[in-house]
Amino acid sequence: MPFSVSCGVKNYTDWLETPWFNHSGKYEVPLSCCNKNFHSCNGTLDSPQLLYNEGCQIKLEENLLLAVHIIIIISLVVLFLLVMSWIIVAQLVRHQPPQEYRILDQE
């Protein structure tokens, strides 16, 4: 999975509600919110098309959902293998010829 960059929880507008933004007196977000494809980005909100529009929450949800799907698939494969092994053991036990019991000391 390639590394992707995001800005804020939902998007870059989350920064507008932080004390950092209010105390800075600037009309900009951190430079980490700048899309790396646009070298002219300086974090100002005058050109929001240069900022990442996707936040961390969406990516976190996607990654967790992927992890859950992988766990479900692996669990189903393990369950299938267990059932198949039980069936094979049952077949082997069922077709095993009866053995005679004898005392080991005698010939």
PDB file of N, CA and C in Angstrom:
ATOM      1  N   MET A   1       0.854  -1.165   0.000  1.00  0.00           N
ATOM      2  CA  MET A   1       0.000   0.000   0.000  1.00  0.00           C
ATOM      3  C   MET A   1       0.906   1.236   0.000  1.00  0.00           C
ATOM      4  N   PRO A   2       0.783   2.097  -0.968  1.00  0.00           N
ATOM      5  CA  PRO A   2       1.642   3.269  -1.024  1.00  0.00           C
ATOM      6  C   PRO A   2       1.320   4.262   0.083  1.00  0.00           C
ATOM      7  N   PHE A   3       2.330   4.979   0.493  1.00  0.00           N
ATOM      8  CA  PHE A   3       2.170   6.000   1.527  1.00  0.00           C
ATOM      9  C   PHE A   3       1.446   7.197   0.923  1.00  0.00           C
ATOM     10  N   SER A   4       0.430   7.657   1.599  1.00  0.00           N
ATOM     11  CA  SER A   4      -0.298   8.824   1.103  1.00  0.00           C
ATOM     12  C   SER A   4      -0.387   9.860   2.219  1.00  0.00           C
ATOM     13  N   VAL A   5      -0.460  11.103   1.820  1.00  0.00           N
ATOM     14  CA  VAL A   5      -0.449  12.209   2.768  1.00  0.00           C
ATOM     15  C   VAL A   5      -1.859  12.755   2.900  1.00  0.00           C
ATOM     16  N   SER A   6      -2.170  13.229   4.086  1.00  0.00           N
ATOM     17  CA  SER A   6      -3.480  13.818   4.333  1.00  0.00           C
ATOM     18  C   SER A   6      -3.295  15.048   5.211  1.00  0.00           C
ATOM     19  N   CYS A   7      -4.398  15.726   5.437  1.00  0.00           N
ATOM     20  CA  CYS A   7      -4.336  16.957   6.215  1.00  0.00           C
ATOM     21  C   CYS A   7      -5.588  17.049   7.083  1.00  0.00           C
ATOM     22  N   GLY A   8      -5.420  17.041   8.399  1.00  0.00           N
ATOM     23  CA  GLY A   8      -6.550  17.131   9.309  1.00  0.00           C
ATOM     24  C   GLY A   8      -7.239  15.796   9.501  1.00  0.00           C
ATOM     25  N   VAL A   9      -8.289  15.805  10.300  1.00  0.00           N
ATOM     26  CA  VAL A   9      -9.054  14.582  10.532  1.00  0.00           C
ATOM     27  C   VAL A   9      -9.990  14.329   9.355  1.00  0.00           C
ATOM     28  N   LYS A  10     -10.765  15.335   8.985  1.00  0.00           N
ATOM     29  CA  LYS A  10     -11.676  15.191   7.849  1.00  0.00           C
ATOM     30  C   LYS A  10     -11.106  15.837   6.594  1.00  0.00           C
ATOM     31  N   ASN A  11     -10.521  17.029   6.740  1.00  0.00           N
ATOM     32  CA  ASN A  11      -9.816  17.706   5.653  1.00  0.00           C
ATOM     33  C   ASN A  11      -9.067  18.904   6.226  1.00  0.00           C
ATOM     34  N   TYR A  12      -8.518  19.725   5.368  1.00  0.00           N
ATOM     35  CA  TYR A  12      -7.683  20.841   5.835  1.00  0.00           C
ATOM     36  C   TYR A  12      -8.454  21.871   6.664  1.00  0.00           C
ATOM     37  N   THR A  13      -9.769  21.921   6.545  1.00  0.00           N
ATOM     38  CA  THR A  13     -10.547  22.906   7.306  1.00  0.00           C
ATOM     39  C   THR A  13     -10.562  22.607   8.805  1.00  0.00           C
ATOM     40  N   ASP A  14     -10.150  21.415   9.204  1.00  0.00           N
ATOM     41  CA  ASP A  14     -10.049  21.107  10.634  1.00  0.00           C
ATOM     42  C   ASP A  14      -9.044  22.025  11.328  1.00  0.00           C
ATOM     43  N   TRP A  15      -8.061  22.513  10.591  1.00  0.00           N
ATOM     44  CA  TRP A  15      -7.051  23.396  11.171  1.00  0.00           C
ATOM     45  C   TRP A  15      -7.643  24.754  11.541  1.00  0.00           C
ATOM     46  N   LEU A  16      -8.755  25.121  10.931  1.00  0.00           N
ATOM     47  CA  LEU A  16      -9.348  26.429  11.202  1.00  0.00           C
ATOM     48  C   LEU A  16      -9.893  26.532  12.626  1.00  0.00           C
ATOM     49  N   GLU A  17     -10.111  25.412  13.273  1.00  0.00           N
ATOM     50  CA  GLU A  17     -10.690  25.388  14.615  1.00  0.00           C
ATOM     51  C   GLU A  17      -9.646  25.170  15.700  1.00  0.00           C
ATOM     52  N   THR A  18      -8.374  25.190  15.342  1.00  0.00           N
ATOM     53  CA  THR A  18      -7.327  24.919  16.334  1.00  0.00           C
ATOM     54  C   THR A  18      -6.790  26.213  16.935  1.00  0.00           C
ATOM     55  N   PRO A  19      -6.285  26.140  18.174  1.00  0.00           N
ATOM     56  CA  PRO A  19      -5.658  27.323  18.784  1.00  0.00           C
ATOM     57  C   PRO A  19      -4.456  27.804  17.981  1.00  0.00           C
ATOM     58  N   TRP A  20      -3.733  26.874  17.367  1.00  0.00           N
ATOM     59  CA  TRP A  20      -2.574  27.247  16.547  1.00  0.00           C
ATOM     60  C   TRP A  20      -2.996  28.212  15.443  1.00  0.00           C
ATOM     61  N   PHE A  21      -4.082  27.886  14.763  1.00  0.00           N
ATOM     62  CA  PHE A  21      -4.554  28.734  13.664  1.00  0.00           C
ATOM     63  C   PHE A  21      -5.025  30.083  14.191  1.00  0.00           C
ATOM     64  N   ASN A  22      -5.734  30.092  15.290  1.00  0.00           N
ATOM     65  CA  ASN A  22      -6.268  31.339  15.846  1.00  0.00           C
ATOM     66  C   ASN A  22      -5.166  32.255  16.372  1.00  0.00           C
ATOM     67  N   HIS A  23      -4.130  31.689  16.973  1.00  0.00           N
ATOM     68  CA  HIS A  23      -3.060  32.502  17.555  1.00  0.00           C
ATOM     69  C   HIS A  23      -2.007  32.914  16.531  1.00  0.00           C
ATOM     70  N   SER A  24      -1.939  32.185  15.420  1.00  0.00           N
ATOM     71  CA  SER A  24      -0.901  32.517  14.439  1.00  0.00           C
ATOM     72  C   SER A  24      -1.219  33.818  13.714  1.00  0.00           C
ATOM     73  N   GLY A  25      -2.487  34.170  13.619  1.00  0.00           N
ATOM     74  CA  GLY A  25      -2.869  35.394  12.922  1.00  0.00           C
ATOM     75  C   GLY A  25      -2.727  35.293  11.426  1.00  0.00           C
ATOM     76  N   LYS A  26      -2.348  34.118  10.952  1.00  0.00           N
ATOM     77  CA  LYS A  26      -2.164  33.918   9.526  1.00  0.00           C
ATOM     78  C   LYS A  26      -3.383  33.194   8.965  1.00  0.00           C
ATOM     79  N   TYR A  27      -3.571  33.359   7.705  1.00  0.00           N
ATOM     80  CA  TYR A  27      -4.678  32.685   7.043  1.00  0.00           C
ATOM     81  C   TYR A  27      -4.113  31.501   6.257  1.00  0.00           C
ATOM     82  N   GLU A  28      -3.467  30.584   7.018  1.00  0.00           N
ATOM     83  CA  GLU A  28      -2.839  29.438   6.367  1.00  0.00           C
ATOM     84  C   GLU A  28      -2.821  28.239   7.296  1.00  0.00           C
ATOM     85  N   VAL A  29      -2.628  27.091   6.693  1.00  0.00           N
ATOM     86  CA  VAL A  29      -2.532  25.822   7.403  1.00  0.00           C
ATOM     87  C   VAL A  29      -1.075  25.372   7.344  1.00  0.00           C
ATOM     88  N   PRO A  30      -0.687  24.338   8.106  1.00  0.00           N
ATOM     89  CA  PRO A  30       0.714  23.878   8.058  1.00  0.00           C
ATOM     90  C   PRO A  30       1.125  23.468   6.641  1.00  0.00           C
ATOM     91  N   LEU A  31       2.395  23.612   6.362  1.00  0.00           N
ATOM     92  CA  LEU A  31       2.914  23.266   5.034  1.00  0.00           C
ATOM     93  C   LEU A  31       2.769  21.776   4.728  1.00  0.00           C
ATOM     94  N   SER A  32       2.615  20.951   5.764  1.00  0.00           N
ATOM     95  CA  SER A  32       2.416  19.518   5.531  1.00  0.00           C
ATOM     96  C   SER A  32       1.089  19.243   4.840  1.00  0.00           C
ATOM     97  N   CYS A  33       0.191  20.221   4.825  1.00  0.00           N
ATOM     98  CA  CYS A  33      -1.090  20.069   4.134  1.00  0.00           C
ATOM     99  C   CYS A  33      -0.973  20.343   2.638  1.00  0.00           C
ATOM    100  N   CYS A  34       0.178  20.869   2.215  1.00  0.00           N
ATOM    101  CA  CYS A  34       0.365  21.179   0.794  1.00  0.00           C
ATOM    102  C   CYS A  34       0.551  19.898  -0.014  1.00  0.00           C
ATOM    103  N   ASN A  35      -0.148  19.830  -1.116  1.00  0.00           N
ATOM    104  CA  ASN A  35       0.002  18.718  -2.035  1.00  0.00           C
ATOM    105  C   ASN A  35       1.388  18.820  -2.673  1.00  0.00           C
ATOM    106  N   LYS A  36       2.150  17.755  -2.579  1.00  0.00           N
ATOM    107  CA  LYS A  36       3.533  17.763  -3.062  1.00  0.00           C
ATOM    108  C   LYS A  36       3.624  17.959  -4.574  1.00  0.00           C
ATOM    109  N   ASN A  37       2.546  17.772  -5.296  1.00  0.00           N
ATOM    110  CA  ASN A  37       2.548  17.969  -6.744  1.00  0.00           C
ATOM    111  C   ASN A  37       2.586  19.445  -7.123  1.00  0.00           C
ATOM    112  N   PHE A  38       2.232  20.316  -6.178  1.00  0.00           N
ATOM    113  CA  PHE A  38       2.209  21.750  -6.440  1.00  0.00           C
ATOM    114  C   PHE A  38       3.324  22.419  -5.633  1.00  0.00           C
ATOM    115  N   HIS A  39       4.404  22.778  -6.296  1.00  0.00           N
ATOM    116  CA  HIS A  39       5.561  23.363  -5.616  1.00  0.00           C
ATOM    117  C   HIS A  39       5.298  24.802  -5.180  1.00  0.00           C
ATOM    118  N   SER A  40       4.285  25.429  -5.744  1.00  0.00           N
ATOM    119  CA  SER A  40       3.996  26.820  -5.392  1.00  0.00           C
ATOM    120  C   SER A  40       3.124  26.943  -4.142  1.00  0.00           C
ATOM    121  N   CYS A  41       2.726  25.824  -3.555  1.00  0.00           N
ATOM    122  CA  CYS A  41       1.857  25.853  -2.379  1.00  0.00           C
ATOM    123  C   CYS A  41       2.618  26.394  -1.173  1.00  0.00           C
ATOM    124  N   ASN A  42       1.995  27.342  -0.475  1.00  0.00           N
ATOM    125  CA  ASN A  42       2.603  27.880   0.745  1.00  0.00           C
ATOM    126  C   ASN A  42       1.675  27.753   1.948  1.00  0.00           C
ATOM    127  N   GLY A  43       0.592  26.988   1.817  1.00  0.00           N
ATOM    128  CA  GLY A  43      -0.313  26.727   2.932  1.00  0.00           C
ATOM    129  C   GLY A  43      -1.422  27.738   3.096  1.00  0.00           C
ATOM    130  N   THR A  44      -1.483  28.763   2.269  1.00  0.00           N
ATOM    131  CA  THR A  44      -2.544  29.761   2.421  1.00  0.00           C
ATOM    132  C   THR A  44      -3.872  29.191   1.947  1.00  0.00           C
ATOM    133  N   LEU A  45      -4.916  29.699   2.550  1.00  0.00           N
ATOM    134  CA  LEU A  45      -6.255  29.235   2.201  1.00  0.00           C
ATOM    135  C   LEU A  45      -6.821  29.976   0.994  1.00  0.00           C
ATOM    136  N   ASP A  46      -6.021  30.864   0.407  1.00  0.00           N
ATOM    137  CA  ASP A  46      -6.462  31.556  -0.800  1.00  0.00           C
ATOM    138  C   ASP A  46      -6.559  30.604  -1.990  1.00  0.00           C
ATOM    139  N   SER A  47      -5.781  29.546  -1.972  1.00  0.00           N
ATOM    140  CA  SER A  47      -5.803  28.559  -3.062  1.00  0.00           C
ATOM    141  C   SER A  47      -5.917  27.153  -2.472  1.00  0.00           C
ATOM    142  N   PRO A  48      -7.117  26.779  -2.008  1.00  0.00           N
ATOM    143  CA  PRO A  48      -7.298  25.477  -1.361  1.00  0.00           C
ATOM    144  C   PRO A  48      -7.129  24.293  -2.318  1.00  0.00           C
ATOM    145  N   GLN A  49      -7.149  24.544  -3.622  1.00  0.00           N
ATOM    146  CA  GLN A  49      -6.971  23.446  -4.573  1.00  0.00           C
ATOM    147  C   GLN A  49      -5.542  22.892  -4.521  1.00  0.00           C
ATOM    148  N   LEU A  50      -4.627  23.627  -3.908  1.00  0.00           N
ATOM    149  CA  LEU A  50      -3.245  23.167  -3.772  1.00  0.00           C
ATOM    150  C   LEU A  50      -3.028  22.320  -2.519  1.00  0.00           C
ATOM    151  N   LEU A  51      -4.049  22.213  -1.677  1.00  0.00           N
ATOM    152  CA  LEU A  51      -3.954  21.471  -0.419  1.00  0.00           C
ATOM    153  C   LEU A  51      -4.550  20.083  -0.567  1.00  0.00           C
ATOM    154  N   TYR A  52      -4.114  19.196   0.317  1.00  0.00           N
ATOM    155  CA  TYR A  52      -4.736  17.872   0.367  1.00  0.00           C
ATOM    156  C   TYR A  52      -6.146  18.031   0.901  1.00  0.00           C
ATOM    157  N   ASN A  53      -7.100  17.425   0.212  1.00  0.00           N
ATOM    158  CA  ASN A  53      -8.505  17.558   0.604  1.00  0.00           C
ATOM    159  C   ASN A  53      -9.014  16.389   1.421  1.00  0.00           C
ATOM    160  N   GLU A  54      -8.199  15.373   1.579  1.00  0.00           N
ATOM    161  CA  GLU A  54      -8.633  14.188   2.311  1.00  0.00           C
ATOM    162  C   GLU A  54      -7.945  14.151   3.664  1.00  0.00           C
ATOM    163  N   GLY A  55      -8.699  13.813   4.691  1.00  0.00           N
ATOM    164  CA  GLY A  55      -8.153  13.744   6.039  1.00  0.00           C
ATOM    165  C   GLY A  55      -7.725  12.349   6.427  1.00  0.00           C
ATOM    166  N   CYS A  56      -7.199  12.234   7.635  1.00  0.00           N
ATOM    167  CA  CYS A  56      -6.699  10.954   8.141  1.00  0.00           C
ATOM    168  C   CYS A  56      -7.816   9.969   8.462  1.00  0.00           C
ATOM    169  N   GLN A  57      -8.981  10.464   8.861  1.00  0.00           N
ATOM    170  CA  GLN A  57     -10.058   9.583   9.287  1.00  0.00           C
ATOM    171  C   GLN A  57     -10.488   8.635   8.175  1.00  0.00           C
ATOM    172  N   ILE A  58     -10.631   9.139   6.979  1.00  0.00           N
ATOM    173  CA  ILE A  58     -11.054   8.306   5.856  1.00  0.00           C
ATOM    174  C   ILE A  58     -10.016   7.227   5.582  1.00  0.00           C
ATOM    175  N   LYS A  59      -8.743   7.613   5.593  1.00  0.00           N
ATOM    176  CA  LYS A  59      -7.685   6.643   5.328  1.00  0.00           C
ATOM    177  C   LYS A  59      -7.583   5.609   6.435  1.00  0.00           C
ATOM    178  N   LEU A  60      -7.770   6.033   7.672  1.00  0.00           N
ATOM    179  CA  LEU A  60      -7.746   5.102   8.797  1.00  0.00           C
ATOM    180  C   LEU A  60      -8.886   4.099   8.679  1.00  0.00           C
ATOM    181  N   GLU A  61     -10.075   4.585   8.351  1.00  0.00           N
ATOM    182  CA  GLU A  61     -11.230   3.696   8.179  1.00  0.00           C
ATOM    183  C   GLU A  61     -10.986   2.703   7.043  1.00  0.00           C
ATOM    184  N   GLU A  62     -10.411   3.162   5.939  1.00  0.00           N
ATOM    185  CA  GLU A  62     -10.123   2.265   4.810  1.00  0.00           C
ATOM    186  C   GLU A  62      -9.118   1.189   5.213  1.00  0.00           C
ATOM    187  N   ASN A  63      -8.065   1.585   5.938  1.00  0.00           N
ATOM    188  CA  ASN A  63      -7.054   0.622   6.359  1.00  0.00           C
ATOM    189  C   ASN A  63      -7.610  -0.384   7.360  1.00  0.00           C
ATOM    190  N   LEU A  64      -8.449   0.085   8.283  1.00  0.00           N
ATOM    191  CA  LEU A  64      -9.058  -0.840   9.248  1.00  0.00           C
ATOM    192  C   LEU A  64     -10.009  -1.808   8.553  1.00  0.00           C
ATOM    193  N   LEU A  65     -10.761  -1.308   7.594  1.00  0.00           N
ATOM    194  CA  LEU A  65     -11.670  -2.177   6.845  1.00  0.00           C
ATOM    195  C   LEU A  65     -10.894  -3.227   6.061  1.00  0.00           C
ATOM    196  N   LEU A  66      -9.770  -2.834   5.467  1.00  0.00           N
ATOM    197  CA  LEU A  66      -8.924  -3.788   4.759  1.00  0.00           C
ATOM    198  C   LEU A  66      -8.398  -4.854   5.719  1.00  0.00           C
ATOM    199  N   ALA A  67      -7.967  -4.434   6.909  1.00  0.00           N
ATOM    200  CA  ALA A  67      -7.466  -5.386   7.903  1.00  0.00           C
ATOM    201  C   ALA A  67      -8.559  -6.364   8.330  1.00  0.00           C
ATOM    202  N   VAL A  68      -9.780  -5.875   8.510  1.00  0.00           N
ATOM    203  CA  VAL A  68     -10.903  -6.748   8.887  1.00  0.00           C
ATOM    204  C   VAL A  68     -11.192  -7.742   7.771  1.00  0.00           C
ATOM    205  N   HIS A  69     -11.170  -7.289   6.524  1.00  0.00           N
ATOM    206  CA  HIS A  69     -11.406  -8.207   5.397  1.00  0.00           C
ATOM    207  C   HIS A  69     -10.330  -9.282   5.332  1.00  0.00           C
ATOM    208  N   ILE A  70      -9.090  -8.909   5.559  1.00  0.00           N
ATOM    209  CA  ILE A  70      -8.005  -9.895   5.534  1.00  0.00           C
ATOM    210  C   ILE A  70      -8.182 -10.912   6.657  1.00  0.00           C
ATOM    211  N   ILE A  71      -8.545 -10.443   7.847  1.00  0.00           N
ATOM    212  CA  ILE A  71      -8.760 -11.358   8.978  1.00  0.00           C
ATOM    213  C   ILE A  71      -9.908 -12.309   8.680  1.00  0.00           C
ATOM    214  N   ILE A  72     -10.984 -11.825   8.085  1.00  0.00           N
ATOM    215  CA  ILE A  72     -12.130 -12.678   7.760  1.00  0.00           C
ATOM    216  C   ILE A  72     -11.734 -13.729   6.734  1.00  0.00           C
ATOM    217  N   ILE A  73     -11.003 -13.331   5.706  1.00  0.00           N
ATOM    218  CA  ILE A  73     -10.604 -14.288   4.668  1.00  0.00           C
ATOM    219  C   ILE A  73      -9.681 -15.353   5.248  1.00  0.00           C
ATOM    220  N   ILE A  74      -8.712 -14.937   6.053  1.00  0.00           N
ATOM    221  CA  ILE A  74      -7.799 -15.911   6.658  1.00  0.00           C
ATOM    222  C   ILE A  74      -8.555 -16.845   7.597  1.00  0.00           C
ATOM    223  N   SER A  75      -9.508 -16.317   8.352  1.00  0.00           N
ATOM    224  CA  SER A  75     -10.311 -17.162   9.253  1.00  0.00           C
ATOM    225  C   SER A  75     -11.117 -18.184   8.473  1.00  0.00           C
ATOM    226  N   LEU A  76     -11.686 -17.772   7.358  1.00  0.00           N
ATOM    227  CA  LEU A  76     -12.449 -18.717   6.535  1.00  0.00           C
ATOM    228  C   LEU A  76     -11.558 -19.809   5.944  1.00  0.00           C
ATOM    229  N   VAL A  77     -10.354 -19.450   5.531  1.00  0.00           N
ATOM    230  CA  VAL A  77      -9.421 -20.441   4.997  1.00  0.00           C
ATOM    231  C   VAL A  77      -9.026 -21.429   6.089  1.00  0.00           C
ATOM    232  N   VAL A  78      -8.738 -20.935   7.289  1.00  0.00           N
ATOM    233  CA  VAL A  78      -8.376 -21.826   8.402  1.00  0.00           C
ATOM    234  C   VAL A  78      -9.551 -22.734   8.765  1.00  0.00           C
ATOM    235  N   LEU A  79     -10.754 -22.183   8.785  1.00  0.00           N
ATOM    236  CA  LEU A  79     -11.935 -22.995   9.072  1.00  0.00           C
ATOM    237  C   LEU A  79     -12.111 -24.087   8.025  1.00  0.00           C
ATOM    238  N   PHE A  80     -11.931 -23.737   6.761  1.00  0.00           N
ATOM    239  CA  PHE A  80     -12.040 -24.726   5.686  1.00  0.00           C
ATOM    240  C   PHE A  80     -11.003 -25.837   5.867  1.00  0.00           C
ATOM    241  N   LEU A  81      -9.769 -25.462   6.189  1.00  0.00           N
ATOM    242  CA  LEU A  81      -8.730 -26.473   6.388  1.00  0.00           C
ATOM    243  C   LEU A  81      -9.031 -27.368   7.587  1.00  0.00           C
ATOM    244  N   LEU A  82      -9.576 -26.793   8.647  1.00  0.00           N
ATOM    245  CA  LEU A  82      -9.945 -27.608   9.813  1.00  0.00           C
ATOM    246  C   LEU A  82     -11.045 -28.605   9.472  1.00  0.00           C
ATOM    247  N   VAL A  83     -12.059 -28.160   8.781  1.00  0.00           N
ATOM    248  CA  VAL A  83     -13.161 -29.048   8.403  1.00  0.00           C
ATOM    249  C   VAL A  83     -12.652 -30.163   7.485  1.00  0.00           C
ATOM    250  N   MET A  84     -11.802 -29.786   6.533  1.00  0.00           N
ATOM    251  CA  MET A  84     -11.255 -30.808   5.632  1.00  0.00           C
ATOM    252  C   MET A  84     -10.403 -31.818   6.403  1.00  0.00           C
ATOM    253  N   SER A  85      -9.632 -31.360   7.374  1.00  0.00           N
ATOM    254  CA  SER A  85      -8.815 -32.300   8.163  1.00  0.00           C
ATOM    255  C   SER A  85      -9.702 -33.211   9.002  1.00  0.00           C
ATOM    256  N   TRP A  86     -10.802 -32.678   9.549  1.00  0.00           N
ATOM    257  CA  TRP A  86     -11.734 -33.535  10.294  1.00  0.00           C
ATOM    258  C   TRP A  86     -12.355 -34.591   9.386  1.00  0.00           C
ATOM    259  N   ILE A  87     -12.711 -34.221   8.193  1.00  0.00           N
ATOM    260  CA  ILE A  87     -13.295 -35.171   7.241  1.00  0.00           C
ATOM    261  C   ILE A  87     -12.281 -36.251   6.873  1.00  0.00           C
ATOM    262  N   ILE A  88     -11.050 -35.867   6.629  1.00  0.00           N
ATOM    263  CA  ILE A  88     -10.005 -36.838   6.280  1.00  0.00           C
ATOM    264  C   ILE A  88      -9.744 -37.788   7.437  1.00  0.00           C
ATOM    265  N   VAL A  89      -9.653 -37.266   8.656  1.00  0.00           N
ATOM    266  CA  VAL A  89      -9.435 -38.128   9.824  1.00  0.00           C
ATOM    267  C   VAL A  89     -10.614 -39.078  10.008  1.00  0.00           C
ATOM    268  N   ALA A  90     -11.829 -38.605   9.823  1.00  0.00           N
ATOM    269  CA  ALA A  90     -13.006 -39.466   9.956  1.00  0.00           C
ATOM    270  C   ALA A  90     -12.982 -40.576   8.911  1.00  0.00           C
ATOM    271  N   GLN A  91     -12.571 -40.258   7.697  1.00  0.00           N
ATOM    272  CA  GLN A  91     -12.491 -41.284   6.650  1.00  0.00           C
ATOM    273  C   GLN A  91     -11.408 -42.309   6.970  1.00  0.00           C
ATOM    274  N   LEU A  92     -10.279 -41.862   7.474  1.00  0.00           N
ATOM    275  CA  LEU A  92      -9.200 -42.787   7.814  1.00  0.00           C
ATOM    276  C   LEU A  92      -9.600 -43.703   8.962  1.00  0.00           C
ATOM    277  N   VAL A  93     -10.265 -43.174   9.951  1.00  0.00           N
ATOM    278  CA  VAL A  93     -10.683 -43.983  11.092  1.00  0.00           C
ATOM    279  C   VAL A  93     -11.778 -44.953  10.674  1.00  0.00           C
ATOM    280  N   ARG A  94     -12.672 -44.540   9.821  1.00  0.00           N
ATOM    281  CA  ARG A  94     -13.785 -45.384   9.396  1.00  0.00           C
ATOM    282  C   ARG A  94     -13.305 -46.567   8.565  1.00  0.00           C
ATOM    283  N   HIS A  95     -12.297 -46.382   7.741  1.00  0.00           N
ATOM    284  CA  HIS A  95     -11.836 -47.450   6.840  1.00  0.00           C
ATOM    285  C   HIS A  95     -10.664 -48.233   7.415  1.00  0.00           C
ATOM    286  N   GLN A  96     -10.331 -47.998   8.650  1.00  0.00           N
ATOM    287  CA  GLN A  96      -9.230 -48.731   9.262  1.00  0.00           C
ATOM    288  C   GLN A  96      -9.709 -50.150   9.577  1.00  0.00           C
ATOM    289  N   PRO A  97      -8.974 -51.174   9.112  1.00  0.00           N
ATOM    290  CA  PRO A  97      -9.398 -52.554   9.395  1.00  0.00           C
ATOM    291  C   PRO A  97      -9.254 -52.859  10.887  1.00  0.00           C
ATOM    292  N   PRO A  98     -10.176 -53.661  11.410  1.00  0.00           N
ATOM    293  CA  PRO A  98     -10.087 -54.002  12.838  1.00  0.00           C
ATOM    294  C   PRO A  98      -8.818 -54.806  13.112  1.00  0.00           C
ATOM    295  N   GLN A  99      -8.190 -54.550  14.207  1.00  0.00           N
ATOM    296  CA  GLN A  99      -6.982 -55.274  14.578  1.00  0.00           C
ATOM    297  C   GLN A  99      -7.300 -56.219  15.720  1.00  0.00           C
ATOM    298  N   GLU A 100      -6.577 -57.329  15.697  1.00  0.00           N
ATOM    299  CA  GLU A 100      -6.769 -58.304  16.764  1.00  0.00           C
ATOM    300  C   GLU A 100      -5.939 -57.883  17.970  1.00  0.00           C
ATOM    301  N   TYR A 101      -6.518 -58.104  19.118  1.00  0.00           N
ATOM    302  CA  TYR A 101      -5.781 -57.836  20.341  1.00  0.00           C
ATOM    303  C   TYR A 101      -5.065 -59.101  20.755  1.00  0.00           C
ATOM    304  N   ARG A 102      -3.821 -58.943  21.169  1.00  0.00           N
ATOM    305  CA  ARG A 102      -3.084 -60.105  21.635  1.00  0.00           C
ATOM    306  C   ARG A 102      -2.119 -59.654  22.735  1.00  0.00           C
ATOM    307  N   ILE A 103      -1.774 -60.547  23.534  1.00  0.00           N
ATOM    308  CA  ILE A 103      -0.857 -60.265  24.628  1.00  0.00           C
ATOM    309  C   ILE A 103       0.555 -60.223  24.051  1.00  0.00           C
ATOM    310  N   LEU A 104       1.322 -59.244  24.434  1.00  0.00           N
ATOM    311  CA  LEU A 104       2.645 -59.054  23.849  1.00  0.00           C
ATOM    312  C   LEU A 104       3.650 -60.111  24.294  1.00  0.00           C
ATOM    313  N   ASP A 105       3.428 -60.730  25.451  1.00  0.00           N
ATOM    314  CA  ASP A 105       4.379 -61.724  25.928  1.00  0.00           C
ATOM    315  C   ASP A 105       4.301 -63.029  25.166  1.00  0.00           C
ATOM    316  N   GLN A 106       3.221 -63.303  24.551  1.00  0.00           N
ATOM    317  CA  GLN A 106       3.044 -64.565  23.849  1.00  0.00           C
ATOM    318  C   GLN A 106       3.346 -64.391  22.369  1.00  0.00           C
ATOM    319  N   GLU A 107       3.746 -65.512  21.771  1.00  0.00           N
ATOM    320  CA  GLU A 107       4.010 -65.483  20.334  1.00  0.00           C
ATOM    321  C   GLU A 107       2.825 -65.888  19.533  1.00  0.00           C
TER     322      GLU A 107
END
